[in-house]
Amino acid sequence: MKTFKFSAITAIIFFAIGTLLFILQMVTDNFSLLTIIGFYFVVAAVIINCIILLSLIVLLILNKDYPESLKSIGVTLANIPIALLYFYIIIEFASI
């Protein structure tokens, strides 16, 4: 249960920060320091989430607690489609 809580809290934190940066980017509506901060946030989030994902896969193999580990992996991977959607929206609005 501890791994699920950790991955869920991490996913919620990254989702909240990413959504805040997305909303601020949409409000400012120009290429600015916020865009650069958002880029570095995404790079850091990808690195941290990959480390978490790899550790969850190792726990899945070693502990064989399949439901818990798979649930944690799913929560960790849930932010990927959201981040891609935000990226697509920003690129579409930036090209107008």
PDB file of N, CA and C in Angstrom:
ATOM      1  N   MET A   1       0.821  -1.199   0.000  1.00  0.00           N
ATOM      2  CA  MET A   1       0.000   0.000   0.000  1.00  0.00           C
ATOM      3  C   MET A   1       0.860   1.257   0.000  1.00  0.00           C
ATOM      4  N   LYS A   2       2.058   1.156   0.572  1.00  0.00           N
ATOM      5  CA  LYS A   2       2.930   2.319   0.630  1.00  0.00           C
ATOM      6  C   LYS A   2       3.363   2.767  -0.765  1.00  0.00           C
ATOM      7  N   THR A   3       3.647   1.798  -1.655  1.00  0.00           N
ATOM      8  CA  THR A   3       4.079   2.179  -3.001  1.00  0.00           C
ATOM      9  C   THR A   3       2.957   2.853  -3.775  1.00  0.00           C
ATOM     10  N   PHE A   4       1.721   2.397  -3.569  1.00  0.00           N
ATOM     11  CA  PHE A   4       0.607   3.022  -4.258  1.00  0.00           C
ATOM     12  C   PHE A   4       0.408   4.457  -3.781  1.00  0.00           C
ATOM     13  N   LYS A   5       0.497   4.667  -2.468  1.00  0.00           N
ATOM     14  CA  LYS A   5       0.343   6.030  -1.938  1.00  0.00           C
ATOM     15  C   LYS A   5       1.416   6.956  -2.491  1.00  0.00           C
ATOM     16  N   PHE A   6       2.660   6.471  -2.513  1.00  0.00           N
ATOM     17  CA  PHE A   6       3.770   7.286  -3.010  1.00  0.00           C
ATOM     18  C   PHE A   6       3.568   7.638  -4.478  1.00  0.00           C
ATOM     19  N   SER A   7       3.218   6.644  -5.304  1.00  0.00           N
ATOM     20  CA  SER A   7       3.048   6.927  -6.728  1.00  0.00           C
ATOM     21  C   SER A   7       1.828   7.817  -6.973  1.00  0.00           C
ATOM     22  N   ALA A   8       0.771   7.639  -6.174  1.00  0.00           N
ATOM     23  CA  ALA A   8      -0.417   8.481  -6.328  1.00  0.00           C
ATOM     24  C   ALA A   8      -0.119   9.922  -5.931  1.00  0.00           C
ATOM     25  N   ILE A   9       0.568  10.117  -4.826  1.00  0.00           N
ATOM     26  CA  ILE A   9       0.919  11.477  -4.388  1.00  0.00           C
ATOM     27  C   ILE A   9       1.827  12.149  -5.405  1.00  0.00           C
ATOM     28  N   THR A  10       2.807  11.412  -5.907  1.00  0.00           N
ATOM     29  CA  THR A  10       3.713  11.964  -6.919  1.00  0.00           C
ATOM     30  C   THR A  10       2.946  12.350  -8.179  1.00  0.00           C
ATOM     31  N   ALA A  11       2.052  11.484  -8.627  1.00  0.00           N
ATOM     32  CA  ALA A  11       1.264  11.774  -9.830  1.00  0.00           C
ATOM     33  C   ALA A  11       0.375  13.001  -9.627  1.00  0.00           C
ATOM     34  N   ILE A  12      -0.238  13.118  -8.460  1.00  0.00           N
ATOM     35  CA  ILE A  12      -1.101  14.269  -8.179  1.00  0.00           C
ATOM     36  C   ILE A  12      -0.293  15.555  -8.135  1.00  0.00           C
ATOM     37  N   ILE A  13       0.872  15.511  -7.526  1.00  0.00           N
ATOM     38  CA  ILE A  13       1.722  16.711  -7.458  1.00  0.00           C
ATOM     39  C   ILE A  13       2.150  17.148  -8.856  1.00  0.00           C
ATOM     40  N   PHE A  14       2.622  16.188  -9.668  1.00  0.00           N
ATOM     41  CA  PHE A  14       3.033  16.541 -11.029  1.00  0.00           C
ATOM     42  C   PHE A  14       1.852  17.018 -11.863  1.00  0.00           C
ATOM     43  N   PHE A  15       0.689  16.412 -11.676  1.00  0.00           N
ATOM     44  CA  PHE A  15      -0.508  16.856 -12.397  1.00  0.00           C
ATOM     45  C   PHE A  15      -0.879  18.281 -12.003  1.00  0.00           C
ATOM     46  N   ALA A  16      -0.846  18.577 -10.713  1.00  0.00           N
ATOM     47  CA  ALA A  16      -1.224  19.913 -10.235  1.00  0.00           C
ATOM     48  C   ALA A  16      -0.257  20.980 -10.743  1.00  0.00           C
ATOM     49  N   ILE A  17       1.033  20.711 -10.642  1.00  0.00           N
ATOM     50  CA  ILE A  17       2.024  21.689 -11.113  1.00  0.00           C
ATOM     51  C   ILE A  17       1.920  21.855 -12.628  1.00  0.00           C
ATOM     52  N   GLY A  18       1.785  20.747 -13.346  1.00  0.00           N
ATOM     53  CA  GLY A  18       1.662  20.810 -14.802  1.00  0.00           C
ATOM     54  C   GLY A  18       0.424  21.560 -15.245  1.00  0.00           C
ATOM     55  N   THR A  19      -0.687  21.327 -14.567  1.00  0.00           N
ATOM     56  CA  THR A  19      -1.921  22.028 -14.906  1.00  0.00           C
ATOM     57  C   THR A  19      -1.807  23.521 -14.603  1.00  0.00           C
ATOM     58  N   LEU A  20      -1.179  23.856 -13.487  1.00  0.00           N
ATOM     59  CA  LEU A  20      -0.964  25.270 -13.157  1.00  0.00           C
ATOM     60  C   LEU A  20      -0.107  25.945 -14.224  1.00  0.00           C
ATOM     61  N   LEU A  21       0.976  25.304 -14.635  1.00  0.00           N
ATOM     62  CA  LEU A  21       1.830  25.875 -15.683  1.00  0.00           C
ATOM     63  C   LEU A  21       1.070  25.986 -17.006  1.00  0.00           C
ATOM     64  N   PHE A  22       0.243  24.990 -17.313  1.00  0.00           N
ATOM     65  CA  PHE A  22      -0.553  25.025 -18.536  1.00  0.00           C
ATOM     66  C   PHE A  22      -1.532  26.196 -18.531  1.00  0.00           C
ATOM     67  N   ILE A  23      -2.226  26.372 -17.428  1.00  0.00           N
ATOM     68  CA  ILE A  23      -3.197  27.472 -17.332  1.00  0.00           C
ATOM     69  C   ILE A  23      -2.493  28.820 -17.420  1.00  0.00           C
ATOM     70  N   LEU A  24      -1.374  28.951 -16.729  1.00  0.00           N
ATOM     71  CA  LEU A  24      -0.622  30.205 -16.807  1.00  0.00           C
ATOM     72  C   LEU A  24      -0.125  30.469 -18.219  1.00  0.00           C
ATOM     73  N   GLN A  25       0.311  29.425 -18.920  1.00  0.00           N
ATOM     74  CA  GLN A  25       0.772  29.589 -20.298  1.00  0.00           C
ATOM     75  C   GLN A  25      -0.375  30.024 -21.200  1.00  0.00           C
ATOM     76  N   MET A  26      -1.555  29.465 -20.986  1.00  0.00           N
ATOM     77  CA  MET A  26      -2.704  29.838 -21.811  1.00  0.00           C
ATOM     78  C   MET A  26      -3.140  31.279 -21.526  1.00  0.00           C
ATOM     79  N   VAL A  27      -2.984  31.713 -20.292  1.00  0.00           N
ATOM     80  CA  VAL A  27      -3.379  33.073 -19.933  1.00  0.00           C
ATOM     81  C   VAL A  27      -2.387  34.085 -20.500  1.00  0.00           C
ATOM     82  N   THR A  28      -1.094  33.808 -20.400  1.00  0.00           N
ATOM     83  CA  THR A  28      -0.095  34.755 -20.904  1.00  0.00           C
ATOM     84  C   THR A  28      -0.047  34.765 -22.421  1.00  0.00           C
ATOM     85  N   ASP A  29      -0.284  33.603 -23.058  1.00  0.00           N
ATOM     86  CA  ASP A  29      -0.440  33.500 -24.509  1.00  0.00           C
ATOM     87  C   ASP A  29       0.747  34.046 -25.297  1.00  0.00           C
ATOM     88  N   ASN A  30       1.959  33.830 -24.811  1.00  0.00           N
ATOM     89  CA  ASN A  30       3.133  34.180 -25.593  1.00  0.00           C
ATOM     90  C   ASN A  30       4.323  33.342 -25.130  1.00  0.00           C
ATOM     91  N   PHE A  31       5.349  33.315 -25.960  1.00  0.00           N
ATOM     92  CA  PHE A  31       6.566  32.598 -25.586  1.00  0.00           C
ATOM     93  C   PHE A  31       7.299  33.438 -24.564  1.00  0.00           C
ATOM     94  N   SER A  32       7.480  32.896 -23.399  1.00  0.00           N
ATOM     95  CA  SER A  32       8.080  33.672 -22.331  1.00  0.00           C
ATOM     96  C   SER A  32       8.915  32.766 -21.441  1.00  0.00           C
ATOM     97  N   LEU A  33       9.343  33.341 -20.336  1.00  0.00           N
ATOM     98  CA  LEU A  33      10.083  32.573 -19.340  1.00  0.00           C
ATOM     99  C   LEU A  33       9.245  31.398 -18.842  1.00  0.00           C
ATOM    100  N   LEU A  34       7.942  31.570 -18.818  1.00  0.00           N
ATOM    101  CA  LEU A  34       7.038  30.504 -18.373  1.00  0.00           C
ATOM    102  C   LEU A  34       7.140  29.276 -19.279  1.00  0.00           C
ATOM    103  N   THR A  35       7.326  29.483 -20.569  1.00  0.00           N
ATOM    104  CA  THR A  35       7.485  28.375 -21.500  1.00  0.00           C
ATOM    105  C   THR A  35       8.754  27.598 -21.202  1.00  0.00           C
ATOM    106  N   ILE A  36       9.816  28.307 -20.903  1.00  0.00           N
ATOM    107  CA  ILE A  36      11.095  27.666 -20.579  1.00  0.00           C
ATOM    108  C   ILE A  36      10.982  26.906 -19.260  1.00  0.00           C
ATOM    109  N   ILE A  37      10.333  27.503 -18.280  1.00  0.00           N
ATOM    110  CA  ILE A  37      10.123  26.826 -16.992  1.00  0.00           C
ATOM    111  C   ILE A  37       9.286  25.565 -17.207  1.00  0.00           C
ATOM    112  N   GLY A  38       8.248  25.667 -18.019  1.00  0.00           N
ATOM    113  CA  GLY A  38       7.408  24.508 -18.317  1.00  0.00           C
ATOM    114  C   GLY A  38       8.182  23.398 -18.996  1.00  0.00           C
ATOM    115  N   PHE A  39       9.072  23.771 -19.917  1.00  0.00           N
ATOM    116  CA  PHE A  39       9.894  22.768 -20.596  1.00  0.00           C
ATOM    117  C   PHE A  39      10.775  22.023 -19.601  1.00  0.00           C
ATOM    118  N   TYR A  40      11.463  22.767 -18.737  1.00  0.00           N
ATOM    119  CA  TYR A  40      12.333  22.121 -17.756  1.00  0.00           C
ATOM    120  C   TYR A  40      11.527  21.310 -16.734  1.00  0.00           C
ATOM    121  N   PHE A  41      10.330  21.751 -16.429  1.00  0.00           N
ATOM    122  CA  PHE A  41       9.473  20.969 -15.545  1.00  0.00           C
ATOM    123  C   PHE A  41       9.122  19.633 -16.180  1.00  0.00           C
ATOM    124  N   VAL A  42       8.774  19.663 -17.459  1.00  0.00           N
ATOM    125  CA  VAL A  42       8.429  18.416 -18.154  1.00  0.00           C
ATOM    126  C   VAL A  42       9.630  17.474 -18.201  1.00  0.00           C
ATOM    127  N   VAL A  43      10.812  18.005 -18.480  1.00  0.00           N
ATOM    128  CA  VAL A  43      12.018  17.165 -18.498  1.00  0.00           C
ATOM    129  C   VAL A  43      12.260  16.541 -17.125  1.00  0.00           C
ATOM    130  N   ALA A  44      12.156  17.340 -16.078  1.00  0.00           N
ATOM    131  CA  ALA A  44      12.352  16.820 -14.718  1.00  0.00           C
ATOM    132  C   ALA A  44      11.276  15.796 -14.364  1.00  0.00           C
ATOM    133  N   ALA A  45      10.035  16.066 -14.746  1.00  0.00           N
ATOM    134  CA  ALA A  45       8.935  15.144 -14.448  1.00  0.00           C
ATOM    135  C   ALA A  45       9.130  13.810 -15.160  1.00  0.00           C
ATOM    136  N   VAL A  46       9.587  13.858 -16.402  1.00  0.00           N
ATOM    137  CA  VAL A  46       9.827  12.618 -17.145  1.00  0.00           C
ATOM    138  C   VAL A  46      10.921  11.800 -16.470  1.00  0.00           C
ATOM    139  N   ILE A  47      12.007  12.452 -16.080  1.00  0.00           N
ATOM    140  CA  ILE A  47      13.111  11.741 -15.432  1.00  0.00           C
ATOM    141  C   ILE A  47      12.651  11.129 -14.114  1.00  0.00           C
ATOM    142  N   ILE A  48      11.990  11.905 -13.294  1.00  0.00           N
ATOM    143  CA  ILE A  48      11.544  11.409 -11.982  1.00  0.00           C
ATOM    144  C   ILE A  48      10.517  10.292 -12.146  1.00  0.00           C
ATOM    145  N   ASN A  49       9.569  10.474 -13.062  1.00  0.00           N
ATOM    146  CA  ASN A  49       8.559   9.438 -13.263  1.00  0.00           C
ATOM    147  C   ASN A  49       9.152   8.163 -13.856  1.00  0.00           C
ATOM    148  N   CYS A  50      10.175   8.276 -14.696  1.00  0.00           N
ATOM    149  CA  CYS A  50      10.845   7.079 -15.217  1.00  0.00           C
ATOM    150  C   CYS A  50      11.549   6.317 -14.097  1.00  0.00           C
ATOM    151  N   ILE A  51      12.176   7.048 -13.192  1.00  0.00           N
ATOM    152  CA  ILE A  51      12.824   6.398 -12.048  1.00  0.00           C
ATOM    153  C   ILE A  51      11.783   5.686 -11.189  1.00  0.00           C
ATOM    154  N   ILE A  52      10.677   6.350 -10.937  1.00  0.00           N
ATOM    155  CA  ILE A  52       9.601   5.729 -10.149  1.00  0.00           C
ATOM    156  C   ILE A  52       9.048   4.508 -10.877  1.00  0.00           C
ATOM    157  N   LEU A  53       8.830   4.636 -12.177  1.00  0.00           N
ATOM    158  CA  LEU A  53       8.295   3.526 -12.956  1.00  0.00           C
ATOM    159  C   LEU A  53       9.237   2.328 -12.941  1.00  0.00           C
ATOM    160  N   LEU A  54      10.523   2.566 -13.123  1.00  0.00           N
ATOM    161  CA  LEU A  54      11.489   1.469 -13.081  1.00  0.00           C
ATOM    162  C   LEU A  54      11.521   0.801 -11.712  1.00  0.00           C
ATOM    163  N   SER A  55      11.442   1.594 -10.659  1.00  0.00           N
ATOM    164  CA  SER A  55      11.432   0.997  -9.321  1.00  0.00           C
ATOM    165  C   SER A  55      10.153   0.195  -9.085  1.00  0.00           C
ATOM    166  N   LEU A  56       9.031   0.652  -9.627  1.00  0.00           N
ATOM    167  CA  LEU A  56       7.784  -0.103  -9.498  1.00  0.00           C
ATOM    168  C   LEU A  56       7.842  -1.409 -10.281  1.00  0.00           C
ATOM    169  N   ILE A  57       8.493  -1.399 -11.432  1.00  0.00           N
ATOM    170  CA  ILE A  57       8.648  -2.630 -12.207  1.00  0.00           C
ATOM    171  C   ILE A  57       9.535  -3.625 -11.461  1.00  0.00           C
ATOM    172  N   VAL A  58      10.601  -3.119 -10.848  1.00  0.00           N
ATOM    173  CA  VAL A  58      11.462  -3.995 -10.037  1.00  0.00           C
ATOM    174  C   VAL A  58      10.679  -4.569  -8.869  1.00  0.00           C
ATOM    175  N   LEU A  59       9.887  -3.744  -8.197  1.00  0.00           N
ATOM    176  CA  LEU A  59       9.054  -4.244  -7.100  1.00  0.00           C
ATOM    177  C   LEU A  59       8.042  -5.273  -7.588  1.00  0.00           C
ATOM    178  N   LEU A  60       7.511  -5.070  -8.772  1.00  0.00           N
ATOM    179  CA  LEU A  60       6.567  -6.022  -9.346  1.00  0.00           C
ATOM    180  C   LEU A  60       7.238  -7.380  -9.553  1.00  0.00           C
ATOM    181  N   ILE A  61       8.460  -7.352 -10.049  1.00  0.00           N
ATOM    182  CA  ILE A  61       9.180  -8.601 -10.306  1.00  0.00           C
ATOM    183  C   ILE A  61       9.610  -9.273  -9.004  1.00  0.00           C
ATOM    184  N   LEU A  62      10.115  -8.498  -8.062  1.00  0.00           N
ATOM    185  CA  LEU A  62      10.653  -9.073  -6.829  1.00  0.00           C
ATOM    186  C   LEU A  62       9.581  -9.478  -5.826  1.00  0.00           C
ATOM    187  N   ASN A  63       8.594  -8.633  -5.617  1.00  0.00           N
ATOM    188  CA  ASN A  63       7.596  -8.891  -4.577  1.00  0.00           C
ATOM    189  C   ASN A  63       6.415  -9.709  -5.052  1.00  0.00           C
ATOM    190  N   LYS A  64       6.177  -9.697  -6.341  1.00  0.00           N
ATOM    191  CA  LYS A  64       5.046 -10.413  -6.929  1.00  0.00           C
ATOM    192  C   LYS A  64       3.698  -9.999  -6.337  1.00  0.00           C
ATOM    193  N   ASP A  65       3.615  -8.748  -5.886  1.00  0.00           N
ATOM    194  CA  ASP A  65       2.344  -8.190  -5.426  1.00  0.00           C
ATOM    195  C   ASP A  65       1.701  -7.499  -6.628  1.00  0.00           C
ATOM    196  N   TYR A  66       1.128  -8.317  -7.519  1.00  0.00           N
ATOM    197  CA  TYR A  66       0.679  -7.831  -8.816  1.00  0.00           C
ATOM    198  C   TYR A  66      -0.388  -6.747  -8.753  1.00  0.00           C
ATOM    199  N   PRO A  67      -1.465  -6.913  -8.011  1.00  0.00           N
ATOM    200  CA  PRO A  67      -2.499  -5.859  -8.041  1.00  0.00           C
ATOM    201  C   PRO A  67      -1.977  -4.504  -7.557  1.00  0.00           C
ATOM    202  N   GLU A  68      -1.240  -4.520  -6.458  1.00  0.00           N
ATOM    203  CA  GLU A  68      -0.694  -3.274  -5.905  1.00  0.00           C
ATOM    204  C   GLU A  68       0.282  -2.623  -6.882  1.00  0.00           C
ATOM    205  N   SER A  69       1.196  -3.413  -7.419  1.00  0.00           N
ATOM    206  CA  SER A  69       2.210  -2.871  -8.321  1.00  0.00           C
ATOM    207  C   SER A  69       1.598  -2.383  -9.620  1.00  0.00           C
ATOM    208  N   LEU A  70       0.675  -3.119 -10.180  1.00  0.00           N
ATOM    209  CA  LEU A  70       0.051  -2.699 -11.433  1.00  0.00           C
ATOM    210  C   LEU A  70      -0.790  -1.443 -11.257  1.00  0.00           C
ATOM    211  N   LYS A  71      -1.448  -1.337 -10.111  1.00  0.00           N
ATOM    212  CA  LYS A  71      -2.214  -0.128  -9.817  1.00  0.00           C
ATOM    213  C   LYS A  71      -1.274   1.079  -9.716  1.00  0.00           C
ATOM    214  N   SER A  72      -0.146   0.893  -9.058  1.00  0.00           N
ATOM    215  CA  SER A  72       0.832   1.976  -8.912  1.00  0.00           C
ATOM    216  C   SER A  72       1.415   2.368 -10.259  1.00  0.00           C
ATOM    217  N   ILE A  73       1.711   1.389 -11.101  1.00  0.00           N
ATOM    218  CA  ILE A  73       2.232   1.675 -12.439  1.00  0.00           C
ATOM    219  C   ILE A  73       1.186   2.436 -13.259  1.00  0.00           C
ATOM    220  N   GLY A  74      -0.063   2.035 -13.162  1.00  0.00           N
ATOM    221  CA  GLY A  74      -1.131   2.730 -13.890  1.00  0.00           C
ATOM    222  C   GLY A  74      -1.281   4.181 -13.470  1.00  0.00           C
ATOM    223  N   VAL A  75      -1.188   4.423 -12.174  1.00  0.00           N
ATOM    224  CA  VAL A  75      -1.293   5.800 -11.673  1.00  0.00           C
ATOM    225  C   VAL A  75      -0.110   6.632 -12.157  1.00  0.00           C
ATOM    226  N   THR A  76       1.069   6.028 -12.161  1.00  0.00           N
ATOM    227  CA  THR A  76       2.260   6.740 -12.618  1.00  0.00           C
ATOM    228  C   THR A  76       2.157   7.081 -14.106  1.00  0.00           C
ATOM    229  N   LEU A  77       1.599   6.180 -14.900  1.00  0.00           N
ATOM    230  CA  LEU A  77       1.487   6.398 -16.345  1.00  0.00           C
ATOM    231  C   LEU A  77       0.297   7.271 -16.740  1.00  0.00           C
ATOM    232  N   ALA A  78      -0.585   7.554 -15.811  1.00  0.00           N
ATOM    233  CA  ALA A  78      -1.816   8.293 -16.133  1.00  0.00           C
ATOM    234  C   ALA A  78      -1.563   9.723 -16.591  1.00  0.00           C
ATOM    235  N   ASN A  79      -0.470  10.324 -16.193  1.00  0.00           N
ATOM    236  CA  ASN A  79      -0.203  11.713 -16.569  1.00  0.00           C
ATOM    237  C   ASN A  79       0.286  11.862 -18.009  1.00  0.00           C
ATOM    238  N   ILE A  80       0.705  10.782 -18.637  1.00  0.00           N
ATOM    239  CA  ILE A  80       1.251  10.882 -19.996  1.00  0.00           C
ATOM    240  C   ILE A  80       0.221  11.414 -20.990  1.00  0.00           C
ATOM    241  N   PRO A  81      -0.989  10.849 -21.064  1.00  0.00           N
ATOM    242  CA  PRO A  81      -1.945  11.410 -22.034  1.00  0.00           C
ATOM    243  C   PRO A  81      -2.345  12.847 -21.726  1.00  0.00           C
ATOM    244  N   ILE A  82      -2.378  13.199 -20.455  1.00  0.00           N
ATOM    245  CA  ILE A  82      -2.725  14.567 -20.078  1.00  0.00           C
ATOM    246  C   ILE A  82      -1.630  15.524 -20.536  1.00  0.00           C
ATOM    247  N   ALA A  83      -0.385  15.151 -20.317  1.00  0.00           N
ATOM    248  CA  ALA A  83       0.735  15.993 -20.747  1.00  0.00           C
ATOM    249  C   ALA A  83       0.750  16.139 -22.268  1.00  0.00           C
ATOM    250  N   LEU A  84       0.464  15.066 -22.985  1.00  0.00           N
ATOM    251  CA  LEU A  84       0.413  15.144 -24.451  1.00  0.00           C
ATOM    252  C   LEU A  84      -0.719  16.052 -24.922  1.00  0.00           C
ATOM    253  N   LEU A  85      -1.856  15.989 -24.256  1.00  0.00           N
ATOM    254  CA  LEU A  85      -2.969  16.874 -24.597  1.00  0.00           C
ATOM    255  C   LEU A  85      -2.596  18.338 -24.355  1.00  0.00           C
ATOM    256  N   TYR A  86      -1.989  18.625 -23.212  1.00  0.00           N
ATOM    257  CA  TYR A  86      -1.556  19.999 -22.922  1.00  0.00           C
ATOM    258  C   TYR A  86      -0.560  20.478 -23.974  1.00  0.00           C
ATOM    259  N   PHE A  87       0.385  19.624 -24.329  1.00  0.00           N
ATOM    260  CA  PHE A  87       1.381  19.976 -25.336  1.00  0.00           C
ATOM    261  C   PHE A  87       0.717  20.281 -26.675  1.00  0.00           C
ATOM    262  N   TYR A  88      -0.216  19.434 -27.080  1.00  0.00           N
ATOM    263  CA  TYR A  88      -0.921  19.638 -28.342  1.00  0.00           C
ATOM    264  C   TYR A  88      -1.685  20.966 -28.344  1.00  0.00           C
ATOM    265  N   ILE A  89      -2.367  21.261 -27.262  1.00  0.00           N
ATOM    266  CA  ILE A  89      -3.139  22.504 -27.175  1.00  0.00           C
ATOM    267  C   ILE A  89      -2.219  23.714 -27.243  1.00  0.00           C
ATOM    268  N   ILE A  90      -1.112  23.675 -26.537  1.00  0.00           N
ATOM    269  CA  ILE A  90      -0.180  24.812 -26.545  1.00  0.00           C
ATOM    270  C   ILE A  90       0.419  25.003 -27.941  1.00  0.00           C
ATOM    271  N   ILE A  91       0.783  23.913 -28.589  1.00  0.00           N
ATOM    272  CA  ILE A  91       1.345  24.025 -29.939  1.00  0.00           C
ATOM    273  C   ILE A  91       0.293  24.582 -30.919  1.00  0.00           C
ATOM    274  N   GLU A  92      -0.934  24.122 -30.805  1.00  0.00           N
ATOM    275  CA  GLU A  92      -1.997  24.610 -31.700  1.00  0.00           C
ATOM    276  C   GLU A  92      -2.272  26.100 -31.492  1.00  0.00           C
ATOM    277  N   PHE A  93      -2.317  26.532 -30.247  1.00  0.00           N
ATOM    278  CA  PHE A  93      -2.581  27.943 -29.980  1.00  0.00           C
ATOM    279  C   PHE A  93      -1.377  28.812 -30.301  1.00  0.00           C
ATOM    280  N   ALA A  94      -0.191  28.269 -30.183  1.00  0.00           N
ATOM    281  CA  ALA A  94       1.013  29.045 -30.477  1.00  0.00           C
ATOM    282  C   ALA A  94       1.149  29.295 -31.971  1.00  0.00           C
ATOM    283  N   SER A  95       0.592  28.405 -32.786  1.00  0.00           N
ATOM    284  CA  SER A  95       0.743  28.552 -34.234  1.00  0.00           C
ATOM    285  C   SER A  95      -0.286  29.508 -34.840  1.00  0.00           C
ATOM    286  N   ILE A  96      -1.238  29.974 -34.039  1.00  0.00           N
ATOM    287  CA  ILE A  96      -2.279  30.887 -34.562  1.00  0.00           C
ATOM    288  C   ILE A  96      -1.737  32.295 -34.659  1.00  0.00           C
TER     289      ILE A  96
END
